[in-house]
Protein backbone atom coordinates (compact mmCIF):
# COMPACT_ATOMS: atom_id res chain seq x y z
CA MET A 1 38.87 -26.09 8.24
CA MET A 2 36.92 -25.08 11.36
CA LYS A 3 39.33 -22.24 12.14
CA LYS A 4 38.94 -20.82 8.63
CA VAL A 5 35.14 -20.93 8.89
CA LEU A 6 35.17 -19.10 12.23
CA VAL A 7 37.42 -16.35 10.87
CA ILE A 8 35.11 -15.83 7.90
CA ALA A 9 32.11 -15.76 10.23
CA GLY A 10 33.76 -12.96 12.20
CA ILE A 11 34.25 -10.94 9.02
CA VAL A 12 30.62 -11.46 8.02
CA ALA A 13 29.41 -10.43 11.47
CA GLY A 14 31.40 -7.20 11.23
CA LEU A 15 30.01 -6.40 7.82
CA LEU A 16 26.44 -7.08 8.84
CA CYS A 17 26.59 -4.93 11.96
CA SER A 18 26.25 -1.80 9.85
CA CYS A 19 22.96 -2.98 8.32
CA GLN A 20 20.51 -0.58 9.98
CA PRO A 21 17.02 -0.21 8.49
CA GLN A 22 16.17 3.23 7.23
CA SER A 23 13.17 4.92 8.73
CA GLU A 24 9.99 4.80 6.66
CA SER A 25 10.30 8.55 6.05
CA HIS A 26 13.82 7.98 4.67
CA GLN A 27 12.56 5.28 2.31
CA GLN A 28 9.65 7.32 1.02
CA GLU A 29 10.80 10.73 -0.16
CA THR A 30 7.48 12.15 -1.24
CA GLU A 31 4.28 12.74 0.68
CA GLY A 32 1.25 10.77 -0.39
CA ALA A 33 0.69 7.09 -0.96
CA LYS A 34 3.12 4.44 0.23
CA LEU A 35 4.00 1.43 -1.88
CA GLU A 36 1.38 -1.22 -1.18
CA LEU A 37 2.86 -4.62 -1.92
CA TRP A 38 0.65 -7.58 -2.56
CA ASN A 39 0.85 -10.34 0.02
CA MET A 40 -0.42 -13.91 -0.26
CA SER A 41 -2.35 -13.50 3.01
CA ASP A 42 -4.23 -10.39 1.81
CA SER A 43 -7.98 -10.74 2.23
CA ILE A 44 -8.93 -7.78 0.03
CA SER A 45 -10.09 -8.88 -3.42
CA SER A 46 -8.15 -7.91 -6.53
CA LEU A 47 -11.17 -5.96 -7.80
CA LYS A 48 -11.49 -3.90 -4.62
CA ARG A 49 -7.78 -3.14 -4.64
CA LEU A 50 -8.01 -2.10 -8.29
CA GLN A 51 -10.98 0.17 -7.62
CA LYS A 52 -9.26 1.68 -4.59
CA TRP A 53 -6.20 2.80 -6.57
CA GLU A 54 -8.16 3.87 -9.63
CA ALA A 55 -10.08 6.25 -7.38
CA TYR A 56 -6.86 7.39 -5.74
CA VAL A 57 -4.99 8.35 -8.93
CA GLU A 58 -8.09 10.11 -10.24
CA LYS A 59 -7.97 12.30 -7.15
CA HIS A 60 -4.13 12.49 -6.99
CA PRO A 61 -2.94 12.22 -10.62
CA LYS A 62 0.61 13.39 -9.84
CA ASP A 63 1.25 10.89 -7.04
CA GLU A 64 3.82 8.50 -8.51
CA MET A 65 3.41 5.91 -5.79
CA GLY A 66 -0.31 5.86 -6.46
CA TRP A 67 0.40 4.88 -10.07
CA ARG A 68 2.79 2.15 -8.93
CA ASN A 69 0.09 0.74 -6.69
CA LEU A 70 -2.46 0.93 -9.49
CA TYR A 71 -0.06 -0.90 -11.81
CA ASP A 72 0.37 -3.68 -9.26
CA ALA A 73 -3.38 -3.89 -8.60
CA LYS A 74 -4.24 -3.93 -12.31
CA THR A 75 -1.57 -6.54 -13.10
CA ARG A 76 -2.74 -8.92 -10.42
CA HIS A 77 -6.39 -8.42 -11.32
CA MET A 78 -5.62 -9.28 -14.95
CA ILE A 79 -3.79 -12.43 -13.82
CA TRP A 80 -6.92 -13.68 -12.08
CA HIS A 81 -9.42 -12.25 -14.57
CA LYS A 82 -7.76 -12.52 -17.95
CA PRO A 83 -8.85 -9.64 -20.24
CA LYS A 84 -9.84 -10.28 -23.83
CA ASP A 85 -7.04 -8.03 -25.09
CA PHE A 86 -4.16 -7.91 -22.63
CA ASP A 87 -1.97 -5.87 -24.98
CA TYR A 88 -4.65 -3.20 -25.37
CA GLU A 89 -5.12 -2.97 -21.61
CA ARG A 90 -1.39 -2.59 -21.12
CA LYS A 91 -1.01 0.15 -23.73
CA GLU A 92 -4.06 2.04 -22.50
CA PHE A 93 -2.75 2.00 -18.92
CA MET A 94 0.70 3.25 -19.93
CA GLN A 95 -0.89 6.07 -21.91
CA GLN A 96 -2.68 7.17 -18.75
CA VAL A 97 0.59 7.05 -16.80
CA GLU A 98 2.41 9.07 -19.46
CA ASN A 99 -0.32 11.70 -19.52
CA ALA A 100 -0.19 12.06 -15.73
CA ILE A 101 3.52 11.78 -14.89
CA PRO A 102 5.58 12.00 -18.12
CA ASN A 103 9.38 11.69 -18.04
CA THR A 104 9.42 10.66 -14.39
CA TYR A 105 11.21 7.80 -12.67
CA THR A 106 7.92 5.98 -12.12
CA TYR A 107 6.79 6.38 -15.73
CA TYR A 108 9.97 4.77 -17.07
CA LEU A 109 9.94 2.09 -14.36
CA LEU A 110 6.41 1.02 -15.30
CA ALA A 111 7.17 1.34 -19.01
CA MET A 112 10.05 -1.09 -18.51
CA LYS A 113 7.82 -3.52 -16.61
CA THR A 114 5.15 -3.50 -19.31
CA ALA A 115 7.53 -3.58 -22.30
CA ILE A 116 7.94 -6.82 -24.25
CA GLU A 117 10.73 -6.09 -26.72
CA SER A 118 14.21 -6.33 -25.22
CA THR A 119 15.34 -3.07 -26.86
CA LYS A 120 12.47 -1.15 -25.25
CA ILE A 121 13.05 -2.81 -21.89
CA LYS A 122 16.66 -1.65 -21.99
CA LYS A 123 15.71 1.86 -23.15
CA TYR A 124 13.14 2.40 -20.39
CA ALA A 125 15.35 0.81 -17.73
CA GLU A 126 18.24 3.12 -18.51
CA GLU A 127 15.97 6.17 -18.43
CA ALA A 128 14.51 5.07 -15.10
CA MET A 129 17.92 4.53 -13.51
CA LYS A 130 18.99 8.02 -14.59
CA ARG A 131 16.07 9.37 -12.55
CA MET A 132 16.47 7.06 -9.56
CA PRO A 133 15.68 8.83 -6.26
CA GLU A 134 18.48 9.52 -3.81
CA HIS A 135 16.91 7.15 -1.30
CA PRO A 136 15.11 4.40 -3.26
CA LEU A 137 12.81 1.84 -1.72
CA LYS A 138 14.11 -1.64 -0.94
CA GLU A 139 11.92 -2.93 -3.76
CA ASP A 140 13.63 -0.60 -6.22
CA TYR A 141 17.07 -1.83 -5.24
CA GLU A 142 15.84 -5.38 -5.84
CA ILE A 143 14.47 -4.44 -9.26
CA TRP A 144 17.68 -2.81 -10.48
CA CYS A 145 20.04 -5.37 -9.00
CA CYS A 146 18.01 -8.08 -10.74
CA TYR A 147 18.07 -6.14 -14.00
CA LEU A 148 21.85 -5.69 -13.88
CA CYS A 149 22.67 -9.29 -12.87
CA ASP A 150 23.60 -10.47 -16.37
CA LYS A 151 24.91 -7.12 -17.54
CA ASP A 152 27.77 -4.79 -16.55
CA GLN A 153 29.17 -6.24 -13.32
CA LYS A 154 30.77 -2.90 -12.38
CA ARG A 155 27.36 -1.23 -12.42
CA LEU A 156 25.89 -4.19 -10.55
CA LYS A 157 28.57 -3.92 -7.85
CA ASP A 158 27.90 -0.18 -7.50
CA MET A 159 24.16 -0.81 -7.14
CA LEU A 160 24.69 -3.65 -4.66
CA THR A 161 27.05 -1.46 -2.61
CA ARG A 162 24.49 1.32 -2.56
CA TYR A 163 21.81 -1.21 -1.56
CA TYR A 164 23.93 -2.58 1.28
CA GLU A 165 24.92 0.86 2.58
CA SER A 166 21.25 1.91 2.63
CA GLY A 167 20.66 -0.59 5.44
CA LEU A 168 17.65 -2.06 3.63
CA MET A 169 19.13 -5.52 3.08
CA SER A 170 18.26 -7.65 6.10
CA PRO A 171 21.27 -9.28 7.83
CA ASP A 172 19.12 -12.40 8.31
CA ILE A 173 18.80 -12.79 4.56
CA LEU A 174 22.53 -12.32 4.07
CA TYR A 175 23.34 -14.92 6.72
CA TYR A 176 21.06 -17.47 5.05
CA HIS A 177 22.54 -16.98 1.59
CA TYR A 178 26.05 -16.92 3.02
CA ASN A 179 25.34 -20.36 4.53
CA GLU A 180 24.06 -21.64 1.20
CA MET A 181 27.36 -20.64 -0.39
CA GLN A 182 29.30 -22.09 2.54
CA GLY A 183 27.86 -25.51 1.68
CA MET A 184 29.13 -25.38 -1.92
CA GLU A 185 32.38 -26.95 -3.03
CA GLU A 186 35.11 -24.71 -4.40
CA GLY A 187 34.32 -23.50 -7.91
CA GLY A 188 30.71 -24.64 -7.60
CA ILE A 189 27.90 -23.27 -9.75
CA TYR A 190 24.66 -22.03 -8.17
CA TYR A 191 21.68 -22.20 -10.51
CA ALA A 192 18.77 -20.01 -9.39
CA GLN A 193 15.23 -20.01 -10.66
CA THR A 194 14.62 -16.41 -9.58
CA GLU A 195 16.75 -13.27 -9.43
CA GLN A 196 15.85 -12.88 -5.75
CA GLU A 197 17.91 -15.96 -4.93
CA ILE A 198 20.90 -14.40 -6.68
CA VAL A 199 20.95 -10.80 -5.39
CA PRO A 200 22.07 -11.54 -1.78
CA LYS A 201 24.74 -13.94 -3.07
CA LYS A 202 25.96 -11.36 -5.58
CA MET A 203 26.23 -8.88 -2.71
CA ILE A 204 28.30 -11.33 -0.66
CA LYS A 205 30.55 -12.00 -3.64
CA LEU A 206 30.93 -8.53 -5.18
CA VAL A 207 30.59 -6.21 -2.18
CA PHE A 208 32.13 -8.34 0.59
CA GLY A 209 34.63 -10.14 -1.63
CA MET A 210 33.66 -13.58 -0.27
CA HIS A 211 33.09 -16.82 -2.16
CA CYS A 212 34.54 -15.24 -5.28
CA ASP A 213 35.21 -18.73 -6.70
CA LYS A 214 31.47 -19.45 -6.94
CA ILE A 215 29.61 -19.01 -10.23
CA LEU A 216 26.11 -17.59 -9.86
CA VAL A 217 23.59 -17.94 -12.69
CA ASN A 218 19.88 -17.34 -12.96
CA GLU A 219 17.66 -19.06 -15.49
CA ASN A 220 16.12 -15.71 -16.46
CA ASP A 221 19.53 -14.47 -17.60
CA ASP A 222 20.35 -14.43 -21.27
CA TRP A 223 21.18 -18.05 -22.14
CA ALA A 224 24.34 -17.09 -24.01
CA HIS A 225 25.48 -15.34 -20.84
CA ILE A 226 24.82 -18.51 -18.79
CA TRP A 227 26.74 -20.82 -21.13
CA LYS A 228 29.68 -18.41 -21.31
CA LEU A 229 29.78 -17.84 -17.54
CA CYS A 230 29.78 -21.59 -16.86
CA GLY A 231 32.34 -22.28 -19.58
CA VAL A 232 30.14 -24.77 -21.42
CA PRO A 233 29.40 -25.14 -25.15
CA PHE A 234 26.19 -23.77 -26.59
CA PRO A 235 23.56 -26.52 -27.02
CA ASP A 236 22.06 -27.29 -30.38
CA GLU A 237 19.61 -24.60 -31.44
CA ASN A 238 16.73 -27.10 -31.21
CA TRP A 239 17.72 -28.13 -27.67
CA ALA A 240 15.06 -26.06 -25.86
CA GLU A 241 12.33 -27.13 -28.31
CA THR A 242 12.44 -30.70 -27.02
CA VAL A 243 10.24 -29.49 -24.15
CA GLN A 244 6.73 -28.41 -25.08
CA MET A 245 4.95 -25.68 -23.13
CA ASP A 246 1.86 -26.93 -21.29
CA THR A 247 -0.44 -23.90 -21.21
CA ASP A 248 -2.54 -25.50 -18.46
CA ASN A 249 0.49 -26.06 -16.25
CA PRO A 250 3.47 -23.97 -17.39
CA SER A 251 5.39 -24.79 -14.17
CA ILE A 252 6.06 -28.28 -15.52
CA TYR A 253 7.66 -26.75 -18.60
CA PHE A 254 9.86 -24.38 -16.59
CA ALA A 255 10.88 -27.11 -14.13
CA THR A 256 11.80 -29.51 -16.95
CA ARG A 257 13.74 -26.83 -18.78
CA ALA A 258 15.59 -25.92 -15.57
CA LEU A 259 16.52 -29.57 -15.04
CA MET A 260 17.80 -29.78 -18.60
CA MET A 261 19.94 -26.68 -18.09
CA VAL A 262 21.36 -27.97 -14.80
CA ASP A 263 22.12 -31.33 -16.44
CA TRP A 264 23.85 -29.67 -19.41
CA ILE A 265 25.92 -27.39 -17.18
CA ALA A 266 26.95 -30.23 -14.84
CA GLU A 267 27.94 -32.54 -17.71
CA HIS A 268 29.97 -30.03 -19.68
CA SER A 269 31.49 -27.85 -16.94
CA GLN A 270 32.68 -30.74 -14.77
CA ARG A 271 31.88 -28.53 -11.78
CA PRO A 272 29.50 -29.25 -8.89
CA VAL A 273 26.13 -27.64 -9.63
CA TYR A 274 23.62 -26.64 -6.93
CA ILE A 275 20.04 -25.41 -6.70
CA SER A 276 17.99 -24.25 -3.74
CA SER A 277 16.47 -27.03 -1.62
CA PHE A 278 13.46 -24.86 -0.88
CA ASP A 279 10.60 -23.48 -2.95
CA SER A 280 11.87 -24.77 -6.26
CA TRP A 281 9.89 -26.02 -9.24
CA ILE A 282 12.47 -28.72 -9.65
CA ASN A 283 12.12 -30.36 -6.24
CA SER A 284 8.42 -29.72 -5.71
CA LYS A 285 6.47 -32.87 -4.79
CA ARG A 286 3.59 -31.38 -6.73
CA TYR A 287 5.43 -31.75 -10.04
CA ALA A 288 7.87 -34.59 -9.34
CA SER A 289 5.82 -37.28 -11.07
CA LYS A 290 5.80 -35.30 -14.33
CA LEU A 291 9.52 -34.45 -14.49
CA PRO A 292 12.29 -36.52 -16.13
CA LYS A 293 13.06 -39.27 -13.61
CA GLU A 294 16.55 -39.88 -15.01
CA MET A 295 17.44 -36.30 -14.03
CA LEU A 296 15.54 -36.13 -10.74
CA LYS A 297 17.48 -39.10 -9.39
CA ASN A 298 20.67 -37.04 -9.75
CA LEU A 299 19.55 -34.50 -7.13
CA TYR A 300 21.09 -35.01 -3.68
CA ASN A 301 20.08 -33.02 -0.61
CA GLU A 302 23.03 -31.51 1.27
CA GLY A 303 21.05 -29.37 3.73
CA LEU A 304 20.24 -25.92 2.39
CA LEU A 305 21.06 -26.88 -1.21
CA LEU A 306 20.52 -29.73 -3.63
CA ARG A 307 23.56 -30.92 -5.57
CA TYR A 308 23.22 -32.39 -9.05
CA SER A 309 25.46 -35.43 -9.52
CA SER A 310 25.31 -38.29 -12.01
CA GLU A 311 27.56 -40.28 -9.64
CA PRO A 312 26.00 -41.57 -6.38
CA TYR A 313 27.67 -40.39 -3.16
CA ASP A 314 27.05 -40.12 0.59
CA ASN A 315 25.00 -36.94 0.80
CA ILE A 316 24.17 -37.58 4.49
CA ALA A 317 27.87 -37.18 5.28
CA ALA A 318 27.92 -33.98 3.21
CA THR A 319 24.92 -32.60 5.12
CA CYS A 320 26.54 -33.41 8.48
CA ARG A 321 29.74 -31.71 7.36
CA ASN A 322 27.81 -28.59 6.41
CA VAL A 323 25.92 -28.46 9.71
CA GLU A 324 28.98 -29.18 11.85
CA GLU A 325 31.76 -27.36 10.00
CA ARG A 326 30.49 -24.94 7.38
CA TYR A 327 27.15 -23.37 8.27
CA GLN A 328 27.11 -20.44 10.70
CA LEU A 329 23.82 -20.96 12.54
CA ASP A 330 24.34 -18.93 15.71
CA TYR A 331 22.56 -15.95 14.14
CA LEU A 332 19.31 -17.89 14.66
CA TYR A 333 19.68 -17.22 18.40
CA LEU A 334 19.36 -13.47 17.74
CA PRO A 335 16.09 -11.53 17.32
CA PHE A 336 14.97 -11.18 13.74
CA SER A 337 15.56 -7.91 11.95
CA PRO A 338 12.59 -5.55 12.30
CA LEU A 339 9.93 -6.19 9.70
CA ARG A 340 8.71 -3.35 7.53
CA ASP A 341 5.14 -2.79 6.48
CA ASN A 342 4.22 -4.69 3.32
CA GLU A 343 7.44 -6.73 3.30
CA HIS A 344 7.66 -9.00 0.26
CA TYR A 345 6.77 -12.52 1.38
CA TRP A 346 9.87 -13.90 -0.42
CA SER A 347 12.31 -11.44 1.14
CA ASP A 348 11.00 -11.51 4.68
CA ALA A 349 13.84 -12.37 7.05
CA THR A 350 11.61 -14.85 8.87
CA ASP A 351 11.12 -16.74 5.62
CA CYS A 352 14.84 -17.56 5.60
CA ALA A 353 14.58 -18.82 9.19
CA TYR A 354 11.57 -20.93 8.21
CA ARG A 355 13.56 -22.42 5.33
CA THR A 356 16.36 -23.36 7.73
CA ILE A 357 13.93 -25.10 10.09
CA VAL A 358 12.26 -27.08 7.30
CA LEU A 359 15.49 -28.08 5.56
CA LEU A 360 17.63 -29.04 8.55
CA GLN A 361 15.05 -31.02 10.49
CA GLY A 362 15.56 -33.81 7.95
CA ILE A 363 18.98 -34.69 9.40
CA LEU A 364 17.62 -35.16 12.96
CA PRO A 365 16.84 -38.92 12.62
CA HIS A 366 20.42 -39.55 11.55
CA TYR A 367 21.80 -37.52 14.43
CA GLN A 368 19.51 -39.19 16.95
CA LYS A 369 20.94 -42.56 15.96
CA TYR A 370 24.61 -41.68 15.47
CA ASN A 371 25.21 -38.40 17.33
CA PRO A 372 22.54 -37.78 20.03
CA GLN A 373 24.33 -34.76 21.47
CA ARG A 374 24.36 -33.04 18.07
CA CYS A 375 20.69 -34.00 17.66
CA HIS A 376 19.84 -32.30 20.96
CA TRP A 377 21.72 -29.14 19.99
CA LEU A 378 20.22 -28.84 16.49
CA SER A 379 16.64 -29.68 17.52
CA GLY A 380 16.93 -27.18 20.39
CA LEU A 381 18.14 -24.47 18.01
CA LEU A 382 15.28 -25.14 15.60
CA LEU A 383 12.71 -25.05 18.43
CA LYS A 384 14.08 -21.73 19.69
CA THR A 385 13.89 -20.37 16.15
CA ILE A 386 10.22 -21.37 16.00
CA ASP A 387 9.62 -19.48 19.27
CA ARG A 388 11.23 -16.33 17.85
CA TRP A 389 9.22 -16.70 14.65
CA ARG A 390 6.02 -16.75 16.73
CA LYS A 391 7.03 -13.61 18.62
CA VAL A 392 7.39 -11.70 15.36
CA TYR A 393 3.87 -12.59 14.24
CA ASN A 394 2.41 -12.63 17.77
CA ARG A 395 0.53 -15.86 17.19
CA GLU A 396 0.84 -19.60 17.58
CA SER A 397 1.96 -21.19 14.35
CA LEU A 398 4.36 -23.78 12.93
CA SER A 399 2.78 -26.26 15.37
CA SER A 400 3.19 -29.17 12.95
CA LEU A 401 6.90 -28.42 12.60
CA GLU A 402 7.28 -28.15 16.35
CA SER A 403 5.51 -31.47 16.90
CA GLU A 404 7.91 -33.14 14.47
CA ILE A 405 11.05 -31.66 16.03
CA ARG A 406 10.30 -31.71 19.77
CA PRO A 407 10.43 -35.55 20.17
CA TYR A 408 14.07 -35.49 18.98
CA PHE A 409 14.91 -32.81 21.53
CA GLU A 410 13.22 -34.62 24.40
CA ALA A 411 14.61 -38.05 23.44
CA THR A 412 18.19 -36.73 23.62
CA THR A 413 17.91 -34.51 26.71
CA SER A 414 20.16 -36.80 28.72
CA THR A 415 23.01 -36.13 26.26
CA ALA A 416 22.97 -32.37 26.79
CA PRO A 417 26.30 -31.04 28.16
């Protein structure tokens, strides 16, 4: 088993070596504004951002990136300050875009994003992809890979290949998602709550030809597509209506529905089903008390993933097996891939490293008791990863994580080889 894993790791390393970030000038083909992505740490208010880009497009009406930034600013402002007539605001904005930059890539991209009817979404998406720039932004690759996920897999593979060859997919992200798939049993099903959790795995499967036995589904896919892909019967038409939407807290609704889907797939496919252990509605402590307890008790942590099982089993042994035999963690010793300006917070390579630290520290108490040498190695790796994380951001942070991990490292120093 170990030999097979090492061989695969060598193949992955070779594939990832060619991932070289494009220069900013290569990513942005036109002069003018650059795409300004919203970040959770931004201090600028939504109103000021909105006013900034309204003034910009008034002065530069043909700048497509300016309109993209205005769309993002207006959308986020409306989320925080709900307009009386959202539909009117949306239509009025798109009329302005059409008047300024008709029949352009950006017009059809934004038309797709604002459309509600599936037929219009498809129409605008296809028109946008016909006009796709020769060197799209990373964000554009993400958009179109997500759009194609539950559609023509040949087109998806072509888009993923183009994305990979652009050098804009971080190797760190690929390593993390490769390790998630490494922890899955043969023929396992991965259930994602966002497309962004699927795209790197689809790239590994379709472009690299690895883990082809795994089934990858996303809850935003067409449900008929999910049931067919997993080989399970269609639920009763009233199945989804058993969960009522809570307008004050819609996350509870989505988490409950996701649990129901995972439960249905696991029961009827007779395959192991997995979800992410990190940043999931399902396993959030914030919502746990309001979710179906009979389903929550079926979630078992195996390291980077949670496995859904109605039969109890030794998940500690499964986690140890993943850490010791399946996961390829040596990449954490390497410097992180260079960050780009305005990197999405969910796609930042350091976010994947942070996930690994948070998720794998939980096995340290077990290792300290039963395998001190392994405890020293793993805690040391996690501490070094924290140090590299700090160098990227040039500030002291993750101190609480460090204070939790360091005692395990120090307590097992005498076991170091």
